[in-house]
């Protein structure tokens, strides 16, 4: 055990900012899970492990050292091997960062899950690494707990077709999608076979009671090489619901469209903001000569788009502000009868009747005293 004097905390600092009492002189793989369990017990939302620095806990937005001595290259090799596998260093050396999930079981009855990013860095003039581990809930939330509007709940579970959840990084897309999945699983008749393709897997569903459903989760980058490969894989497995973690390129979007056209309910996310912008961006991924055909195929299968932004809530925490539109037969027929290049303006015109704009949602939150005026004004300019 390390016996040197630990880093002292200033008087009055968060008492959770203490050092791991069982810190060894040298790390082995047996120490990794014990350290992470202790970090979670301290209330850490994130754990950062970086070469030449101590391990750090993020507690309520402030970093606290969790170990006395810095992590050296030998320690980092242990962390990489335990968390990712023997090939971690080779993959980092090839110029790739690594996204994955990691789970530990301190005992038979408890589990802890993390979303992990591993990135190569330069430290003291040599190659090194940083591991960022975000703690994850062990059970997906309910739509009600997230405060999701009834109109979204009403239209977010089509029998077939595509639902797209959008927003920037950190906007809660994955959490919202997990809550939708939970709702589908908890229906009286279940949802049949649900296949998810994620990078990484953040939420699991094995604690959700659903006797008429089976969920299979595949991690892209570990089990399959791409989201597009995932959709092709899904179509050979007779699913009812397909979840694609991110529609990031034309191959994945085309595969998702095909899945929606062949009788499946398809859920995916994009890093776009706004209903109209999402449609335009998805179409723009295709080559000019194929956009007309792909735009029509997209509109035929589209059922709902939800954009979410997370902003500070008065009194603490954050609140989701959402823009959405559902695409019923009448909406799709009207849009398909016009040039797809005119869809942006028409969707914005139709949105108040078939959904809600971000400005409308922000106005309601502001009038209810939930958000500050500056956030209301900022969100009112999103379209």
Protein backbone atom coordinates (compact mmCIF):
# COMPACT_ATOMS: atom_id res chain seq x y z
CA UNK A 1 0.00 0.00 0.00
CA UNK A 2 1.11 3.58 -0.62
CA UNK A 3 2.26 5.02 2.71
CA UNK A 4 3.40 8.50 1.67
CA UNK A 5 1.52 11.51 2.98
CA UNK A 6 -1.59 12.01 0.85
CA UNK A 7 -2.57 15.24 -0.83
CA UNK A 8 -4.21 17.38 1.83
CA UNK A 9 -7.55 19.05 1.21
CA UNK A 10 -8.32 22.62 2.14
CA UNK A 11 -10.50 23.04 5.17
CA UNK A 12 -14.16 23.05 4.23
CA UNK A 13 -13.71 21.24 0.94
CA UNK A 14 -16.08 18.45 -0.04
CA UNK A 15 -15.30 15.59 2.37
CA UNK A 16 -15.86 13.19 -0.52
CA UNK A 17 -12.63 14.47 -2.07
CA UNK A 18 -10.46 11.96 -0.23
CA UNK A 19 -7.87 9.53 -1.51
CA UNK A 20 -8.44 5.84 -2.07
CA UNK A 21 -7.29 4.23 1.19
CA UNK A 22 -6.28 0.97 -0.49
CA UNK A 23 -3.98 2.48 -3.13
CA UNK A 24 -1.23 -0.05 -3.99
CA UNK A 25 2.39 0.67 -4.78
CA UNK A 26 1.83 -0.96 -8.18
CA UNK A 27 -1.48 -1.52 -9.93
CA UNK A 28 -2.57 -4.96 -11.05
CA UNK A 29 -5.78 -5.87 -12.87
CA UNK A 30 -7.28 -6.95 -9.54
CA UNK A 31 -7.06 -3.36 -8.30
CA UNK A 32 -8.92 -1.73 -11.20
CA UNK A 33 -12.48 -2.72 -10.30
CA UNK A 34 -11.85 -2.08 -6.61
CA UNK A 35 -10.70 1.46 -7.38
CA UNK A 36 -13.70 2.13 -9.62
CA UNK A 37 -16.12 0.78 -7.01
CA UNK A 38 -14.61 3.12 -4.44
CA UNK A 39 -14.85 6.09 -6.83
CA UNK A 40 -18.55 5.44 -7.41
CA UNK A 41 -19.09 5.16 -3.66
CA UNK A 42 -17.59 8.65 -3.30
CA UNK A 43 -20.28 10.02 -5.62
CA UNK A 44 -18.13 10.40 -8.73
CA UNK A 45 -20.03 11.00 -11.95
CA UNK A 46 -16.83 10.63 -13.98
CA UNK A 47 -13.43 9.06 -13.37
CA UNK A 48 -10.37 10.24 -15.33
CA UNK A 49 -7.29 8.04 -15.58
CA UNK A 50 -4.38 9.72 -17.37
CA UNK A 51 -0.71 8.90 -17.74
CA UNK A 52 1.51 11.00 -15.43
CA UNK A 53 -1.45 12.27 -13.40
CA UNK A 54 -3.29 10.88 -10.38
CA UNK A 55 -6.67 9.27 -10.94
CA UNK A 56 -9.35 11.95 -10.62
CA UNK A 57 -12.96 11.84 -9.46
CA UNK A 58 -15.47 14.36 -10.81
CA UNK A 59 -17.84 15.03 -7.90
CA UNK A 60 -20.54 17.66 -8.47
CA UNK A 61 -18.52 19.19 -11.29
CA UNK A 62 -15.23 19.47 -9.37
CA UNK A 63 -12.15 17.28 -9.80
CA UNK A 64 -10.62 15.58 -6.76
CA UNK A 65 -7.50 13.36 -6.76
CA UNK A 66 -8.41 9.78 -5.96
CA UNK A 67 -4.85 8.44 -5.79
CA UNK A 68 -1.66 9.84 -4.28
CA UNK A 69 0.80 8.92 -6.99
CA UNK A 70 0.50 9.58 -10.72
CA UNK A 71 -0.40 6.76 -13.08
CA UNK A 72 2.79 5.69 -14.86
CA UNK A 73 3.05 3.90 -18.20
CA UNK A 74 3.07 0.49 -16.53
CA UNK A 75 -0.08 1.31 -14.58
CA UNK A 76 -1.74 2.61 -17.73
CA UNK A 77 -0.97 -0.65 -19.54
CA UNK A 78 -2.79 -2.48 -16.73
CA UNK A 79 -5.82 -0.18 -16.93
CA UNK A 80 -6.00 -0.49 -20.74
CA UNK A 81 -5.74 -4.27 -20.67
CA UNK A 82 -8.36 -4.66 -17.96
CA UNK A 83 -10.88 -2.17 -19.36
CA UNK A 84 -10.52 -2.81 -23.10
CA UNK A 85 -8.28 -5.80 -23.73
CA UNK A 86 -4.81 -6.73 -24.87
CA UNK A 87 -5.20 -4.97 -28.23
CA UNK A 88 -5.94 -1.53 -26.73
CA UNK A 89 -2.45 -0.07 -27.13
CA UNK A 90 -2.16 -1.28 -30.73
CA UNK A 91 -5.50 0.31 -31.64
CA UNK A 92 -4.50 3.59 -30.01
CA UNK A 93 -1.18 3.53 -31.88
CA UNK A 94 -3.08 3.16 -35.16
CA UNK A 95 -4.78 6.51 -34.61
CA UNK A 96 -8.12 5.31 -33.26
CA UNK A 97 -9.86 6.37 -30.10
CA UNK A 98 -11.94 3.74 -28.33
CA UNK A 99 -15.55 4.02 -27.21
CA UNK A 100 -17.01 1.18 -25.17
CA UNK A 101 -19.00 0.27 -22.11
CA UNK A 102 -17.53 -1.38 -19.03
CA UNK A 103 -19.31 -3.20 -16.23
CA UNK A 104 -18.18 -4.40 -12.83
CA UNK A 105 -20.03 -6.53 -10.30
CA UNK A 106 -18.85 -5.81 -6.75
CA UNK A 107 -21.02 -8.67 -5.51
CA UNK A 108 -23.76 -11.02 -6.71
CA UNK A 109 -26.50 -8.46 -6.30
CA UNK A 110 -25.04 -5.19 -7.57
CA UNK A 111 -23.49 -3.89 -10.76
CA UNK A 112 -21.83 -0.69 -11.91
CA UNK A 113 -21.66 0.41 -15.53
CA UNK A 114 -19.51 3.00 -17.26
CA UNK A 115 -19.36 4.67 -20.64
CA UNK A 116 -15.68 4.71 -21.58
CA UNK A 117 -13.58 6.74 -24.00
CA UNK A 118 -9.88 5.98 -24.41
CA UNK A 119 -7.78 8.48 -26.35
CA UNK A 120 -4.06 8.59 -27.15
CA UNK A 121 -2.35 11.76 -25.89
CA UNK A 122 1.14 13.24 -25.57
CA UNK A 123 2.53 13.51 -22.04
CA UNK A 124 6.05 14.62 -21.16
CA UNK A 125 7.12 14.20 -24.77
CA UNK A 126 5.96 10.61 -25.20
CA UNK A 127 2.86 8.72 -26.23
CA UNK A 128 0.37 8.26 -23.42
CA UNK A 129 -3.36 7.79 -22.89
CA UNK A 130 -6.37 9.21 -21.11
CA UNK A 131 -9.31 7.05 -20.02
CA UNK A 132 -12.57 8.85 -19.28
CA UNK A 133 -15.23 6.78 -17.52
CA UNK A 134 -18.74 8.11 -16.99
CA UNK A 135 -20.99 6.28 -14.57
CA UNK A 136 -24.24 5.02 -16.06
CA UNK A 137 -27.57 4.21 -14.44
CA UNK A 138 -28.19 0.49 -14.22
CA UNK A 139 -31.82 0.90 -15.30
CA UNK A 140 -33.26 3.13 -18.04
CA UNK A 141 -35.58 5.93 -16.87
CA UNK A 142 -39.27 6.16 -17.68
CA UNK A 143 -40.63 8.73 -20.11
CA UNK A 144 -42.67 10.17 -17.26
CA UNK A 145 -39.56 10.65 -15.11
CA UNK A 146 -37.98 12.61 -17.96
CA UNK A 147 -41.06 14.81 -18.30
CA UNK A 148 -41.69 13.80 -21.90
CA UNK A 149 -44.74 15.47 -23.41
CA UNK A 150 -47.86 13.38 -23.97
CA UNK A 151 -47.93 14.24 -27.68
CA UNK A 152 -44.47 12.72 -28.11
CA UNK A 153 -45.43 9.59 -26.17
CA UNK A 154 -48.54 9.23 -28.34
CA UNK A 155 -46.59 9.14 -31.62
CA UNK A 156 -43.18 7.71 -30.69
CA UNK A 157 -44.12 4.03 -31.01
CA UNK A 158 -45.21 3.34 -34.62
CA UNK A 159 -45.73 -0.23 -35.79
CA UNK A 160 -43.27 0.44 -38.61
CA UNK A 161 -41.23 3.32 -39.97
CA UNK A 162 -38.47 5.53 -38.59
CA UNK A 163 -38.26 7.66 -35.45
CA UNK A 164 -35.25 10.00 -35.19
CA UNK A 165 -34.03 11.51 -31.91
CA UNK A 166 -31.68 14.45 -32.51
CA UNK A 167 -29.54 16.95 -30.67
CA UNK A 168 -25.93 17.91 -30.00
CA UNK A 169 -23.52 15.81 -27.95
CA UNK A 170 -24.64 15.70 -24.32
CA UNK A 171 -28.27 16.54 -25.05
CA UNK A 172 -29.66 13.31 -23.62
CA UNK A 173 -30.51 11.55 -26.88
CA UNK A 174 -29.41 8.14 -25.63
CA UNK A 175 -31.30 8.54 -22.35
CA UNK A 176 -34.49 9.57 -24.16
CA UNK A 177 -34.17 6.63 -26.53
CA UNK A 178 -33.61 4.25 -23.61
CA UNK A 179 -36.80 5.54 -21.98
CA UNK A 180 -38.69 4.90 -25.23
CA UNK A 181 -37.32 1.35 -25.28
CA UNK A 182 -38.45 0.82 -21.71
CA UNK A 183 -41.95 1.98 -22.60
CA UNK A 184 -42.04 -0.45 -25.54
CA UNK A 185 -40.88 -3.33 -23.37
CA UNK A 186 -43.39 -2.58 -20.62
CA UNK A 187 -46.39 -2.66 -22.93
CA UNK A 188 -48.82 -5.43 -21.88
CA UNK A 189 -48.03 -7.44 -25.00
CA UNK A 190 -44.35 -6.51 -25.07
CA UNK A 191 -42.66 -5.56 -28.32
CA UNK A 192 -41.38 -8.84 -29.75
CA UNK A 193 -37.73 -8.99 -30.76
CA UNK A 194 -35.74 -5.79 -30.23
CA UNK A 195 -32.23 -5.53 -31.67
CA UNK A 196 -29.98 -2.62 -30.70
CA UNK A 197 -26.68 -1.55 -32.27
CA UNK A 198 -24.86 0.99 -30.13
CA UNK A 199 -21.41 2.53 -29.69
CA UNK A 200 -21.11 1.99 -26.83
CA UNK A 201 -23.98 0.23 -25.05
CA UNK A 202 -25.03 2.62 -22.28
CA UNK A 203 -28.31 1.27 -20.92
CA UNK A 204 -29.24 -2.38 -20.49
CA UNK A 205 -32.73 -3.81 -20.14
CA UNK A 206 -32.32 -7.07 -18.25
CA UNK A 207 -34.06 -5.64 -15.17
CA UNK A 208 -37.18 -4.72 -17.18
CA UNK A 209 -39.92 -7.33 -16.85
CA UNK A 210 -41.23 -8.10 -20.34
CA UNK A 211 -42.30 -11.72 -20.85
CA UNK A 212 -43.32 -11.14 -24.48
CA UNK A 213 -40.09 -9.42 -25.54
CA UNK A 214 -36.46 -10.32 -26.10
CA UNK A 215 -33.71 -7.70 -26.33
CA UNK A 216 -30.36 -8.30 -28.02
CA UNK A 217 -27.71 -5.58 -27.72
CA UNK A 218 -24.67 -5.39 -30.01
CA UNK A 219 -21.78 -2.99 -29.50
CA UNK A 220 -20.50 -1.45 -32.73
CA UNK A 221 -16.72 -1.50 -32.82
CA UNK A 222 -16.55 -4.59 -30.64
CA UNK A 223 -19.15 -7.05 -31.98
CA UNK A 224 -19.73 -5.56 -35.45
CA UNK A 225 -17.70 -3.03 -37.40
CA UNK A 226 -20.32 -0.41 -38.32
CA UNK A 227 -23.91 0.73 -37.83
CA UNK A 228 -24.68 -0.04 -41.47
CA UNK A 229 -23.42 -3.60 -40.93
CA UNK A 230 -25.70 -3.73 -37.90
CA UNK A 231 -28.81 -2.91 -39.93
CA UNK A 232 -27.92 -5.53 -42.55
CA UNK A 233 -27.39 -8.00 -39.73
CA UNK A 234 -30.75 -7.11 -38.18
CA UNK A 235 -32.66 -7.77 -41.38
CA UNK A 236 -31.50 -11.40 -41.25
CA UNK A 237 -32.79 -11.89 -37.68
CA UNK A 238 -36.54 -11.23 -38.02
CA UNK A 239 -36.78 -8.31 -35.58
CA UNK A 240 -39.78 -6.19 -34.71
CA UNK A 241 -37.75 -3.19 -33.56
CA UNK A 242 -34.28 -2.07 -34.65
CA UNK A 243 -32.32 0.57 -32.76
CA UNK A 244 -29.38 2.14 -34.58
CA UNK A 245 -27.26 4.19 -32.21
CA UNK A 246 -26.38 6.84 -34.78
CA UNK A 247 -27.27 7.47 -38.44
CA UNK A 248 -24.01 9.17 -39.31
CA UNK A 249 -23.48 8.39 -43.01
CA UNK A 250 -25.40 7.64 -46.17
CA UNK A 251 -24.81 3.89 -45.93
CA UNK A 252 -26.37 3.73 -42.47
CA UNK A 253 -29.24 6.06 -43.40
CA UNK A 254 -30.00 4.00 -46.52
CA UNK A 255 -29.98 0.80 -44.50
CA UNK A 256 -32.28 2.36 -41.89
CA UNK A 257 -34.68 3.51 -44.60
CA UNK A 258 -34.74 0.00 -46.07
CA UNK A 259 -35.49 -1.47 -42.66
CA UNK A 260 -38.35 0.98 -42.15
CA UNK A 261 -39.76 0.22 -45.59
CA UNK A 262 -39.80 -3.53 -44.95
CA UNK A 263 -42.13 -3.45 -41.97
CA UNK A 264 -39.83 -2.72 -39.04
CA UNK A 265 -39.93 0.04 -36.46
CA UNK A 266 -36.54 1.77 -36.62
CA UNK A 267 -35.11 4.15 -34.02
CA UNK A 268 -31.95 6.17 -34.49
CA UNK A 269 -30.20 9.41 -33.52
CA UNK A 270 -28.39 12.20 -35.35
CA UNK A 271 -26.24 15.12 -34.20
CA UNK A 272 -28.59 17.68 -35.74
CA UNK A 273 -30.73 20.37 -34.17
CA UNK A 274 -34.28 20.99 -35.36
CA UNK A 275 -36.81 18.91 -37.27
CA UNK A 276 -36.41 20.63 -40.63
CA UNK A 277 -32.62 20.73 -40.33
CA UNK A 278 -32.52 17.00 -39.58
CA UNK A 279 -34.38 16.14 -42.78
CA UNK A 280 -32.15 18.43 -44.84
CA UNK A 281 -28.94 17.05 -43.33
CA UNK A 282 -29.98 13.42 -43.79
CA UNK A 283 -30.74 14.06 -47.46
CA UNK A 284 -27.48 15.97 -47.96
CA UNK A 285 -25.43 12.88 -47.06
CA UNK A 286 -26.36 11.40 -50.44
CA UNK A 287 -24.76 12.24 -53.77
CA UNK A 288 -26.68 14.89 -55.76
CA UNK A 289 -27.84 12.43 -58.41
CA UNK A 290 -29.49 10.14 -55.85
CA UNK A 291 -31.00 12.73 -53.50
CA UNK A 292 -34.44 12.83 -55.12
CA UNK A 293 -34.94 9.08 -54.81
CA UNK A 294 -33.45 8.89 -51.31
CA UNK A 295 -35.47 11.90 -50.12
CA UNK A 296 -38.68 10.24 -51.25
CA UNK A 297 -37.71 6.97 -49.57
CA UNK A 298 -36.86 8.81 -46.35
CA UNK A 299 -40.17 10.65 -46.29
CA UNK A 300 -42.13 7.46 -46.98
CA UNK A 301 -40.67 5.81 -43.89
CA UNK A 302 -40.40 8.82 -41.53
CA UNK A 303 -42.81 8.78 -38.58
CA UNK A 304 -41.40 11.23 -36.01
CA UNK A 305 -38.46 13.52 -35.30
CA UNK A 306 -37.69 14.78 -31.79
CA UNK A 307 -34.93 17.31 -31.10
CA UNK A 308 -33.83 17.78 -27.51
CA UNK A 309 -31.64 20.36 -25.79
CA UNK A 310 -30.63 20.20 -22.12
CA UNK A 311 -30.38 23.57 -20.36
CA UNK A 312 -29.82 24.60 -16.72
CA UNK A 313 -32.97 24.51 -14.64
CA UNK A 314 -33.73 27.22 -12.12
CA UNK A 315 -33.12 25.68 -8.72
CA UNK A 316 -30.53 23.20 -9.96
CA UNK A 317 -30.18 20.36 -12.42
CA UNK A 318 -31.02 20.45 -16.11
CA UNK A 319 -34.26 20.29 -18.05
CA UNK A 320 -34.99 18.92 -21.52
CA UNK A 321 -36.54 21.35 -24.00
CA UNK A 322 -37.88 19.60 -27.08
CA UNK A 323 -38.99 20.30 -30.63
CA UNK A 324 -40.92 17.58 -32.42
CA UNK A 325 -43.14 16.74 -35.34
CA UNK A 326 -45.01 13.58 -36.24
CA UNK A 327 -45.38 12.61 -39.87
CA UNK A 328 -48.76 11.01 -40.56
CA UNK A 329 -50.08 9.99 -43.98
CA UNK A 330 -51.38 13.49 -44.75
CA UNK A 331 -48.06 15.16 -43.92
CA UNK A 332 -46.02 12.67 -45.92
CA UNK A 333 -48.32 12.88 -48.95
CA UNK A 334 -48.22 16.68 -48.95
CA UNK A 335 -44.44 16.75 -48.78
CA UNK A 336 -44.02 14.03 -51.39
CA UNK A 337 -46.15 16.07 -53.79
CA UNK A 338 -43.66 18.95 -53.76
CA UNK A 339 -39.97 19.42 -54.56
CA UNK A 340 -37.91 18.06 -51.67
CA UNK A 341 -35.84 21.26 -51.72
CA UNK A 342 -38.96 23.07 -50.47
CA UNK A 343 -39.45 20.72 -47.52
CA UNK A 344 -37.53 22.85 -45.02
CA UNK A 345 -39.90 25.81 -45.27
CA UNK A 346 -43.00 23.61 -45.47
CA UNK A 347 -42.03 21.56 -42.42
CA UNK A 348 -41.48 24.72 -40.40
CA UNK A 349 -44.89 25.97 -41.51
CA UNK A 350 -46.63 22.70 -40.61
CA UNK A 351 -44.88 22.10 -37.30
CA UNK A 352 -47.30 24.01 -35.01
CA UNK A 353 -50.14 21.79 -36.26
CA UNK A 354 -48.23 18.49 -36.12
CA UNK A 355 -45.86 19.06 -33.23
CA UNK A 356 -44.15 21.89 -31.41
CA UNK A 357 -41.24 24.19 -32.18
CA UNK A 358 -38.25 24.66 -29.90
CA UNK A 359 -39.35 28.27 -29.38
CA UNK A 360 -42.80 27.14 -28.21
CA UNK A 361 -41.32 24.60 -25.80
CA UNK A 362 -38.83 27.14 -24.44
CA UNK A 363 -41.59 29.70 -23.99
CA UNK A 364 -43.64 27.26 -21.91
CA UNK A 365 -40.65 26.42 -19.72
CA UNK A 366 -39.80 30.10 -19.24
CA UNK A 367 -43.36 31.06 -18.37
CA UNK A 368 -43.46 28.21 -15.85
CA UNK A 369 -40.36 29.60 -14.15
CA UNK A 370 -38.21 26.61 -15.07
CA UNK A 371 -35.49 28.31 -17.14
CA UNK A 372 -33.82 31.71 -17.26
CA UNK A 373 -34.65 34.29 -19.91
CA UNK A 374 -31.26 33.99 -21.59
CA UNK A 375 -31.78 30.28 -22.19
CA UNK A 376 -35.28 30.94 -23.46
CA UNK A 377 -33.93 33.48 -25.96
CA UNK A 378 -31.14 31.15 -27.03
CA UNK A 379 -33.52 28.26 -27.66
CA UNK A 380 -36.00 30.49 -29.47
CA UNK A 381 -33.42 30.97 -32.22
CA UNK A 382 -32.96 27.24 -32.84
CA UNK A 383 -34.73 25.88 -35.90
